[in-house]
């Protein structure tokens, strides 16, 4: 193999390597975009759920909104109380 053909082969191989690196770079850059999109979707879902919860709270006349966690019974405790009352009725 002469010097010019070796040089051409090295240049071609380098171009292939650079092309491969460019593809990998594009794949890497789409990763954070996908994470950001998922984060935005989850954030929107949380905000929607909060809005619905506040609407339900207003509907049922919840006076605990804005109070600390210590002042509010945990949902599990409330559910337990409800189940006990329903069990006594039967």
PDB file of N, CA and C in Angstrom:
ATOM      1  N   UNK A   1       0.857  -1.159   0.000  1.00  0.00           N
ATOM      2  CA  UNK A   1       0.000   0.000   0.000  1.00  0.00           C
ATOM      3  C   UNK A   1       0.912   1.233   0.000  1.00  0.00           C
ATOM      4  N   UNK A   2       0.648   2.126  -0.928  1.00  0.00           N
ATOM      5  CA  UNK A   2       1.492   3.321  -0.994  1.00  0.00           C
ATOM      6  C   UNK A   2       0.981   4.392  -0.038  1.00  0.00           C
ATOM      7  N   UNK A   3       1.767   5.449   0.098  1.00  0.00           N
ATOM      8  CA  UNK A   3       1.448   6.503   1.065  1.00  0.00           C
ATOM      9  C   UNK A   3       0.144   7.227   0.747  1.00  0.00           C
ATOM     10  N   UNK A   4      -0.123   7.490  -0.532  1.00  0.00           N
ATOM     11  CA  UNK A   4      -1.342   8.235  -0.878  1.00  0.00           C
ATOM     12  C   UNK A   4      -2.588   7.392  -0.630  1.00  0.00           C
ATOM     13  N   UNK A   5      -2.529   6.107  -0.902  1.00  0.00           N
ATOM     14  CA  UNK A   5      -3.697   5.262  -0.653  1.00  0.00           C
ATOM     15  C   UNK A   5      -3.915   5.082   0.848  1.00  0.00           C
ATOM     16  N   UNK A   6      -2.850   4.998   1.618  1.00  0.00           N
ATOM     17  CA  UNK A   6      -2.964   4.918   3.072  1.00  0.00           C
ATOM     18  C   UNK A   6      -3.586   6.204   3.622  1.00  0.00           C
ATOM     19  N   UNK A   7      -3.163   7.326   3.100  1.00  0.00           N
ATOM     20  CA  UNK A   7      -3.706   8.612   3.543  1.00  0.00           C
ATOM     21  C   UNK A   7      -5.192   8.693   3.225  1.00  0.00           C
ATOM     22  N   UNK A   8      -5.598   8.242   2.017  1.00  0.00           N
ATOM     23  CA  UNK A   8      -7.027   8.256   1.649  1.00  0.00           C
ATOM     24  C   UNK A   8      -7.838   7.358   2.577  1.00  0.00           C
ATOM     25  N   UNK A   9      -7.309   6.177   2.870  1.00  0.00           N
ATOM     26  CA  UNK A   9      -8.014   5.258   3.771  1.00  0.00           C
ATOM     27  C   UNK A   9      -8.160   5.855   5.179  1.00  0.00           C
ATOM     28  N   UNK A  10      -7.108   6.507   5.647  1.00  0.00           N
ATOM     29  CA  UNK A  10      -7.171   7.137   6.964  1.00  0.00           C
ATOM     30  C   UNK A  10      -8.195   8.270   6.985  1.00  0.00           C
ATOM     31  N   UNK A  11      -8.249   9.063   5.898  1.00  0.00           N
ATOM     32  CA  UNK A  11      -9.214  10.157   5.814  1.00  0.00           C
ATOM     33  C   UNK A  11     -10.627   9.605   5.795  1.00  0.00           C
ATOM     34  N   UNK A  12     -10.876   8.557   5.013  1.00  0.00           N
ATOM     35  CA  UNK A  12     -12.213   7.941   4.956  1.00  0.00           C
ATOM     36  C   UNK A  12     -12.617   7.392   6.321  1.00  0.00           C
ATOM     37  N   UNK A  13     -11.677   6.701   6.958  1.00  0.00           N
ATOM     38  CA  UNK A  13     -11.970   6.129   8.275  1.00  0.00           C
ATOM     39  C   UNK A  13     -12.278   7.235   9.285  1.00  0.00           C
ATOM     40  N   UNK A  14     -11.526   8.326   9.173  1.00  0.00           N
ATOM     41  CA  UNK A  14     -11.769   9.444  10.091  1.00  0.00           C
ATOM     42  C   UNK A  14     -13.145  10.057   9.857  1.00  0.00           C
ATOM     43  N   UNK A  15     -13.547  10.188   8.591  1.00  0.00           N
ATOM     44  CA  UNK A  15     -14.871  10.728   8.277  1.00  0.00           C
ATOM     45  C   UNK A  15     -15.974   9.822   8.814  1.00  0.00           C
ATOM     46  N   UNK A  16     -15.776   8.520   8.716  1.00  0.00           N
ATOM     47  CA  UNK A  16     -16.757   7.575   9.260  1.00  0.00           C
ATOM     48  C   UNK A  16     -16.828   7.730  10.779  1.00  0.00           C
ATOM     49  N   UNK A  17     -15.659   7.838  11.427  1.00  0.00           N
ATOM     50  CA  UNK A  17     -15.637   8.028  12.880  1.00  0.00           C
ATOM     51  C   UNK A  17     -16.342   9.320  13.281  1.00  0.00           C
ATOM     52  N   UNK A  18     -16.077  10.396  12.546  1.00  0.00           N
ATOM     53  CA  UNK A  18     -16.715  11.677  12.852  1.00  0.00           C
ATOM     54  C   UNK A  18     -18.223  11.606  12.652  1.00  0.00           C
ATOM     55  N   UNK A  19     -18.651  10.906  11.619  1.00  0.00           N
ATOM     56  CA  UNK A  19     -20.083  10.744  11.374  1.00  0.00           C
ATOM     57  C   UNK A  19     -20.736   9.962  12.514  1.00  0.00           C
ATOM     58  N   UNK A  20     -20.076   8.917  12.956  1.00  0.00           N
ATOM     59  CA  UNK A  20     -20.583   8.122  14.073  1.00  0.00           C
ATOM     60  C   UNK A  20     -20.668   8.967  15.345  1.00  0.00           C
ATOM     61  N   UNK A  21     -19.632   9.766  15.592  1.00  0.00           N
ATOM     62  CA  UNK A  21     -19.652  10.636  16.771  1.00  0.00           C
ATOM     63  C   UNK A  21     -20.770  11.668  16.672  1.00  0.00           C
ATOM     64  N   UNK A  22     -21.021  12.195  15.486  1.00  0.00           N
ATOM     65  CA  UNK A  22     -22.100  13.174  15.305  1.00  0.00           C
ATOM     66  C   UNK A  22     -23.452  12.528  15.623  1.00  0.00           C
ATOM     67  N   UNK A  23     -23.670  11.293  15.144  1.00  0.00           N
ATOM     68  CA  UNK A  23     -24.923  10.589  15.425  1.00  0.00           C
ATOM     69  C   UNK A  23     -25.098  10.364  16.929  1.00  0.00           C
ATOM     70  N   UNK A  24     -24.014   9.962  17.592  1.00  0.00           N
ATOM     71  CA  UNK A  24     -24.089   9.742  19.040  1.00  0.00           C
ATOM     72  C   UNK A  24     -24.370  11.045  19.774  1.00  0.00           C
ATOM     73  N   UNK A  25     -23.766  12.140  19.317  1.00  0.00           N
ATOM     74  CA  UNK A  25     -24.013  13.439  19.926  1.00  0.00           C
ATOM     75  C   UNK A  25     -25.474  13.842  19.777  1.00  0.00           C
ATOM     76  N   UNK A  26     -26.062  13.585  18.617  1.00  0.00           N
ATOM     77  CA  UNK A  26     -27.479  13.894  18.401  1.00  0.00           C
ATOM     78  C   UNK A  26     -28.363  13.048  19.313  1.00  0.00           C
ATOM     79  N   UNK A  27     -27.999  11.782  19.484  1.00  0.00           N
ATOM     80  CA  UNK A  27     -28.770  10.919  20.384  1.00  0.00           C
ATOM     81  C   UNK A  27     -28.675  11.412  21.821  1.00  0.00           C
ATOM     82  N   UNK A  28     -27.491  11.839  22.214  1.00  0.00           N
ATOM     83  CA  UNK A  28     -27.302  12.343  23.574  1.00  0.00           C
ATOM     84  C   UNK A  28     -28.102  13.618  23.782  1.00  0.00           C
ATOM     85  N   UNK A  29     -28.126  14.488  22.791  1.00  0.00           N
ATOM     86  CA  UNK A  29     -28.833  15.759  22.962  1.00  0.00           C
ATOM     87  C   UNK A  29     -30.341  15.567  23.013  1.00  0.00           C
ATOM     88  N   UNK A  30     -30.866  14.506  22.402  1.00  0.00           N
ATOM     89  CA  UNK A  30     -32.306  14.269  22.495  1.00  0.00           C
ATOM     90  C   UNK A  30     -32.691  13.717  23.862  1.00  0.00           C
ATOM     91  N   UNK A  31     -31.756  13.105  24.564  1.00  0.00           N
ATOM     92  CA  UNK A  31     -32.023  12.582  25.902  1.00  0.00           C
ATOM     93  C   UNK A  31     -32.507  13.658  26.858  1.00  0.00           C
ATOM     94  N   UNK A  32     -31.742  14.749  27.035  1.00  0.00           N
ATOM     95  CA  UNK A  32     -32.213  15.823  27.927  1.00  0.00           C
ATOM     96  C   UNK A  32     -33.516  16.457  27.458  1.00  0.00           C
ATOM     97  N   UNK A  33     -33.713  16.544  26.155  1.00  0.00           N
ATOM     98  CA  UNK A  33     -34.972  17.094  25.646  1.00  0.00           C
ATOM     99  C   UNK A  33     -36.144  16.218  26.069  1.00  0.00           C
ATOM    100  N   UNK A  34     -35.948  14.898  25.989  1.00  0.00           N
ATOM    101  CA  UNK A  34     -37.011  13.979  26.387  1.00  0.00           C
ATOM    102  C   UNK A  34     -37.274  14.089  27.891  1.00  0.00           C
ATOM    103  N   UNK A  35     -36.209  14.211  28.677  1.00  0.00           N
ATOM    104  CA  UNK A  35     -36.364  14.350  30.125  1.00  0.00           C
ATOM    105  C   UNK A  35     -37.104  15.646  30.447  1.00  0.00           C
ATOM    106  N   UNK A  36     -36.738  16.728  29.759  1.00  0.00           N
ATOM    107  CA  UNK A  36     -37.396  18.014  29.987  1.00  0.00           C
ATOM    108  C   UNK A  36     -38.875  17.931  29.623  1.00  0.00           C
ATOM    109  N   UNK A  37     -39.192  17.270  28.513  1.00  0.00           N
ATOM    110  CA  UNK A  37     -40.587  17.120  28.092  1.00  0.00           C
ATOM    111  C   UNK A  37     -41.374  16.320  29.128  1.00  0.00           C
ATOM    112  N   UNK A  38     -40.777  15.229  29.610  1.00  0.00           N
ATOM    113  CA  UNK A  38     -41.447  14.416  30.630  1.00  0.00           C
ATOM    114  C   UNK A  38     -41.647  15.224  31.908  1.00  0.00           C
ATOM    115  N   UNK A  39     -40.637  16.016  32.280  1.00  0.00           N
ATOM    116  CA  UNK A  39     -40.748  16.845  33.477  1.00  0.00           C
ATOM    117  C   UNK A  39     -41.884  17.848  33.335  1.00  0.00           C
ATOM    118  N   UNK A  40     -42.001  18.470  32.174  1.00  0.00           N
ATOM    119  CA  UNK A  40     -43.070  19.442  31.948  1.00  0.00           C
ATOM    120  C   UNK A  40     -44.444  18.780  32.004  1.00  0.00           C
ATOM    121  N   UNK A  41     -44.551  17.568  31.445  1.00  0.00           N
ATOM    122  CA  UNK A  41     -45.823  16.851  31.477  1.00  0.00           C
ATOM    123  C   UNK A  41     -46.218  16.489  32.908  1.00  0.00           C
ATOM    124  N   UNK A  42     -45.252  16.013  33.691  1.00  0.00           N
ATOM    125  CA  UNK A  42     -45.543  15.652  35.079  1.00  0.00           C
ATOM    126  C   UNK A  42     -45.919  16.897  35.880  1.00  0.00           C
ATOM    127  N   UNK A  43     -45.201  17.986  35.650  1.00  0.00           N
ATOM    128  CA  UNK A  43     -45.511  19.236  36.348  1.00  0.00           C
ATOM    129  C   UNK A  43     -46.921  19.716  36.009  1.00  0.00           C
ATOM    130  N   UNK A  44     -47.298  19.633  34.737  1.00  0.00           N
ATOM    131  CA  UNK A  44     -48.650  20.037  34.332  1.00  0.00           C
ATOM    132  C   UNK A  44     -49.691  19.140  34.985  1.00  0.00           C
ATOM    133  N   UNK A  45     -49.413  17.838  35.059  1.00  0.00           N
ATOM    134  CA  UNK A  45     -50.344  16.893  35.682  1.00  0.00           C
ATOM    135  C   UNK A  45     -50.516  17.219  37.166  1.00  0.00           C
ATOM    136  N   UNK A  46     -49.407  17.507  37.851  1.00  0.00           N
ATOM    137  CA  UNK A  46     -49.480  17.838  39.277  1.00  0.00           C
ATOM    138  C   UNK A  46     -50.305  19.097  39.490  1.00  0.00           C
ATOM    139  N   UNK A  47     -50.062  20.115  38.657  1.00  0.00           N
ATOM    140  CA  UNK A  47     -50.822  21.358  38.789  1.00  0.00           C
ATOM    141  C   UNK A  47     -52.307  21.127  38.541  1.00  0.00           C
ATOM    142  N   UNK A  48     -52.626  20.282  37.565  1.00  0.00           N
ATOM    143  CA  UNK A  48     -54.030  19.963  37.279  1.00  0.00           C
ATOM    144  C   UNK A  48     -54.670  19.249  38.467  1.00  0.00           C
ATOM    145  N   UNK A  49     -53.938  18.308  39.056  1.00  0.00           N
ATOM    146  CA  UNK A  49     -54.459  17.579  40.208  1.00  0.00           C
ATOM    147  C   UNK A  49     -54.649  18.512  41.405  1.00  0.00           C
ATOM    148  N   UNK A  50     -53.716  19.445  41.596  1.00  0.00           N
ATOM    149  CA  UNK A  50     -53.870  20.413  42.681  1.00  0.00           C
ATOM    150  C   UNK A  50     -55.118  21.263  42.481  1.00  0.00           C
ATOM    151  N   UNK A  51     -55.321  21.731  41.249  1.00  0.00           N
ATOM    152  CA  UNK A  51     -56.510  22.540  40.959  1.00  0.00           C
ATOM    153  C   UNK A  51     -57.785  21.759  41.254  1.00  0.00           C
ATOM    154  N   UNK A  52     -57.824  20.509  40.806  1.00  0.00           N
ATOM    155  CA  UNK A  52     -59.011  19.677  41.053  1.00  0.00           C
ATOM    156  C   UNK A  52     -59.228  19.465  42.546  1.00  0.00           C
ATOM    157  N   UNK A  53     -58.149  19.241  43.272  1.00  0.00           N
ATOM    158  CA  UNK A  53     -58.261  19.014  44.707  1.00  0.00           C
ATOM    159  C   UNK A  53     -58.782  20.255  45.414  1.00  0.00           C
ATOM    160  N   UNK A  54     -58.295  21.427  45.009  1.00  0.00           N
ATOM    161  CA  UNK A  54     -58.800  22.665  45.606  1.00  0.00           C
ATOM    162  C   UNK A  54     -60.272  22.872  45.272  1.00  0.00           C
ATOM    163  N   UNK A  55     -60.673  22.520  44.049  1.00  0.00           N
ATOM    164  CA  UNK A  55     -62.085  22.639  43.673  1.00  0.00           C
ATOM    165  C   UNK A  55     -62.949  21.723  44.532  1.00  0.00           C
ATOM    166  N   UNK A  56     -62.502  20.484  44.711  1.00  0.00           N
ATOM    167  CA  UNK A  56     -63.242  19.541  45.551  1.00  0.00           C
ATOM    168  C   UNK A  56     -63.277  20.055  46.985  1.00  0.00           C
ATOM    169  N   UNK A  57     -62.157  20.585  47.447  1.00  0.00           N
ATOM    170  CA  UNK A  57     -62.090  21.123  48.802  1.00  0.00           C
ATOM    171  C   UNK A  57     -63.109  22.236  49.003  1.00  0.00           C
ATOM    172  N   UNK A  58     -63.229  23.115  48.024  1.00  0.00           N
ATOM    173  CA  UNK A  58     -64.215  24.193  48.119  1.00  0.00           C
ATOM    174  C   UNK A  58     -65.633  23.637  48.090  1.00  0.00           C
ATOM    175  N   UNK A  59     -65.849  22.609  47.285  1.00  0.00           N
ATOM    176  CA  UNK A  59     -67.176  22.016  47.153  1.00  0.00           C
ATOM    177  C   UNK A  59     -67.634  21.377  48.459  1.00  0.00           C
ATOM    178  N   UNK A  60     -66.720  20.685  49.126  1.00  0.00           N
ATOM    179  CA  UNK A  60     -67.099  20.002  50.365  1.00  0.00           C
ATOM    180  C   UNK A  60     -66.935  20.896  51.587  1.00  0.00           C
ATOM    181  N   UNK A  61     -66.510  22.135  51.378  1.00  0.00           N
ATOM    182  CA  UNK A  61     -66.390  23.072  52.487  1.00  0.00           C
ATOM    183  C   UNK A  61     -65.231  22.781  53.407  1.00  0.00           C
ATOM    184  N   UNK A  62     -64.099  22.389  52.843  1.00  0.00           N
ATOM    185  CA  UNK A  62     -62.917  22.075  53.649  1.00  0.00           C
ATOM    186  C   UNK A  62     -62.335  23.355  54.244  1.00  0.00           C
ATOM    187  N   UNK A  63     -62.297  23.411  55.571  1.00  0.00           N
ATOM    188  CA  UNK A  63     -61.769  24.595  56.238  1.00  0.00           C
ATOM    189  C   UNK A  63     -60.315  24.396  56.673  1.00  0.00           C
ATOM    190  N   UNK A  64     -59.715  23.292  56.244  1.00  0.00           N
ATOM    191  CA  UNK A  64     -58.340  23.011  56.659  1.00  0.00           C
ATOM    192  C   UNK A  64     -57.310  23.544  55.682  1.00  0.00           C
ATOM    193  N   UNK A  65     -57.744  24.079  54.554  1.00  0.00           N
ATOM    194  CA  UNK A  65     -56.796  24.558  53.557  1.00  0.00           C
ATOM    195  C   UNK A  65     -55.934  25.662  54.160  1.00  0.00           C
ATOM    196  N   UNK A  66     -54.635  25.546  53.960  1.00  0.00           N
ATOM    197  CA  UNK A  66     -53.710  26.540  54.478  1.00  0.00           C
ATOM    198  C   UNK A  66     -53.200  26.240  55.876  1.00  0.00           C
ATOM    199  N   UNK A  67     -53.703  25.185  56.508  1.00  0.00           N
ATOM    200  CA  UNK A  67     -53.246  24.827  57.847  1.00  0.00           C
ATOM    201  C   UNK A  67     -52.049  23.891  57.729  1.00  0.00           C
ATOM    202  N   UNK A  68     -51.342  23.717  58.823  1.00  0.00           N
ATOM    203  CA  UNK A  68     -50.175  22.844  58.828  1.00  0.00           C
ATOM    204  C   UNK A  68     -50.613  21.387  58.831  1.00  0.00           C
ATOM    205  N   UNK A  69     -49.662  20.528  58.495  1.00  0.00           N
ATOM    206  CA  UNK A  69     -49.957  19.094  58.444  1.00  0.00           C
ATOM    207  C   UNK A  69     -50.375  18.548  59.805  1.00  0.00           C
ATOM    208  N   UNK A  70     -49.830  19.113  60.877  1.00  0.00           N
ATOM    209  CA  UNK A  70     -50.187  18.627  62.208  1.00  0.00           C
ATOM    210  C   UNK A  70     -51.651  18.895  62.530  1.00  0.00           C
ATOM    211  N   UNK A  71     -52.218  19.904  61.918  1.00  0.00           N
ATOM    212  CA  UNK A  71     -53.605  20.272  62.204  1.00  0.00           C
ATOM    213  C   UNK A  71     -54.612  19.463  61.394  1.00  0.00           C
ATOM    214  N   UNK A  72     -54.137  18.709  60.452  1.00  0.00           N
ATOM    215  CA  UNK A  72     -55.034  17.990  59.547  1.00  0.00           C
ATOM    216  C   UNK A  72     -54.862  16.488  59.757  1.00  0.00           C
ATOM    217  N   UNK A  73     -55.970  15.769  59.855  1.00  0.00           N
ATOM    218  CA  UNK A  73     -55.884  14.314  59.958  1.00  0.00           C
ATOM    219  C   UNK A  73     -55.363  13.735  58.651  1.00  0.00           C
ATOM    220  N   UNK A  74     -54.573  12.725  58.763  1.00  0.00           N
ATOM    221  CA  UNK A  74     -54.041  12.051  57.593  1.00  0.00           C
ATOM    222  C   UNK A  74     -55.181  11.312  56.897  1.00  0.00           C
ATOM    223  N   UNK A  75     -55.105  11.256  55.580  1.00  0.00           N
ATOM    224  CA  UNK A  75     -56.154  10.616  54.793  1.00  0.00           C
ATOM    225  C   UNK A  75     -56.417   9.194  55.264  1.00  0.00           C
ATOM    226  N   UNK A  76     -55.359   8.454  55.564  1.00  0.00           N
ATOM    227  CA  UNK A  76     -55.539   7.067  56.015  1.00  0.00           C
ATOM    228  C   UNK A  76     -56.346   6.999  57.308  1.00  0.00           C
ATOM    229  N   UNK A  77     -56.107   7.935  58.201  1.00  0.00           N
ATOM    230  CA  UNK A  77     -56.864   7.952  59.458  1.00  0.00           C
ATOM    231  C   UNK A  77     -58.335   8.235  59.186  1.00  0.00           C
ATOM    232  N   UNK A  78     -58.598   9.202  58.314  1.00  0.00           N
ATOM    233  CA  UNK A  78     -59.984   9.518  57.973  1.00  0.00           C
ATOM    234  C   UNK A  78     -60.674   8.328  57.325  1.00  0.00           C
ATOM    235  N   UNK A  79     -59.953   7.659  56.444  1.00  0.00           N
ATOM    236  CA  UNK A  79     -60.517   6.484  55.784  1.00  0.00           C
ATOM    237  C   UNK A  79     -60.817   5.393  56.810  1.00  0.00           C
ATOM    238  N   UNK A  80     -59.910   5.211  57.755  1.00  0.00           N
ATOM    239  CA  UNK A  80     -60.128   4.219  58.805  1.00  0.00           C
ATOM    240  C   UNK A  80     -61.358   4.527  59.639  1.00  0.00           C
ATOM    241  N   UNK A  81     -61.533   5.800  59.995  1.00  0.00           N
ATOM    242  CA  UNK A  81     -62.714   6.213  60.760  1.00  0.00           C
ATOM    243  C   UNK A  81     -63.984   5.932  59.967  1.00  0.00           C
ATOM    244  N   UNK A  82     -63.964   6.269  58.685  1.00  0.00           N
ATOM    245  CA  UNK A  82     -65.124   6.048  57.822  1.00  0.00           C
ATOM    246  C   UNK A  82     -65.455   4.567  57.713  1.00  0.00           C
ATOM    247  N   UNK A  83     -64.444   3.736  57.536  1.00  0.00           N
ATOM    248  CA  UNK A  83     -64.672   2.292  57.421  1.00  0.00           C
ATOM    249  C   UNK A  83     -65.276   1.749  58.713  1.00  0.00           C
ATOM    250  N   UNK A  84     -64.779   2.202  59.865  1.00  0.00           N
ATOM    251  CA  UNK A  84     -65.320   1.736  61.146  1.00  0.00           C
ATOM    252  C   UNK A  84     -66.780   2.139  61.309  1.00  0.00           C
ATOM    253  N   UNK A  85     -67.104   3.372  60.937  1.00  0.00           N
ATOM    254  CA  UNK A  85     -68.491   3.831  61.050  1.00  0.00           C
ATOM    255  C   UNK A  85     -69.401   3.042  60.121  1.00  0.00           C
ATOM    256  N   UNK A  86     -68.931   2.777  58.916  1.00  0.00           N
ATOM    257  CA  UNK A  86     -69.736   1.999  57.973  1.00  0.00           C
ATOM    258  C   UNK A  86     -69.904   0.565  58.457  1.00  0.00           C
ATOM    259  N   UNK A  87     -68.867   0.005  59.065  1.00  0.00           N
ATOM    260  CA  UNK A  87     -68.946  -1.361  59.580  1.00  0.00           C
ATOM    261  C   UNK A  87     -69.945  -1.447  60.735  1.00  0.00           C
ATOM    262  N   UNK A  88     -70.014  -0.426  61.561  1.00  0.00           N
ATOM    263  CA  UNK A  88     -70.961  -0.413  62.682  1.00  0.00           C
ATOM    264  C   UNK A  88     -72.398  -0.314  62.196  1.00  0.00           C
ATOM    265  N   UNK A  89     -72.604   0.359  61.070  1.00  0.00           N
ATOM    266  CA  UNK A  89     -73.956   0.520  60.532  1.00  0.00           C
ATOM    267  C   UNK A  89     -74.495  -0.792  59.979  1.00  0.00           C
ATOM    268  N   UNK A  90     -73.624  -1.672  59.561  1.00  0.00           N
ATOM    269  CA  UNK A  90     -74.078  -2.940  58.963  1.00  0.00           C
ATOM    270  C   UNK A  90     -74.319  -3.929  60.001  1.00  0.00           C
TER     271      UNK A  90
END
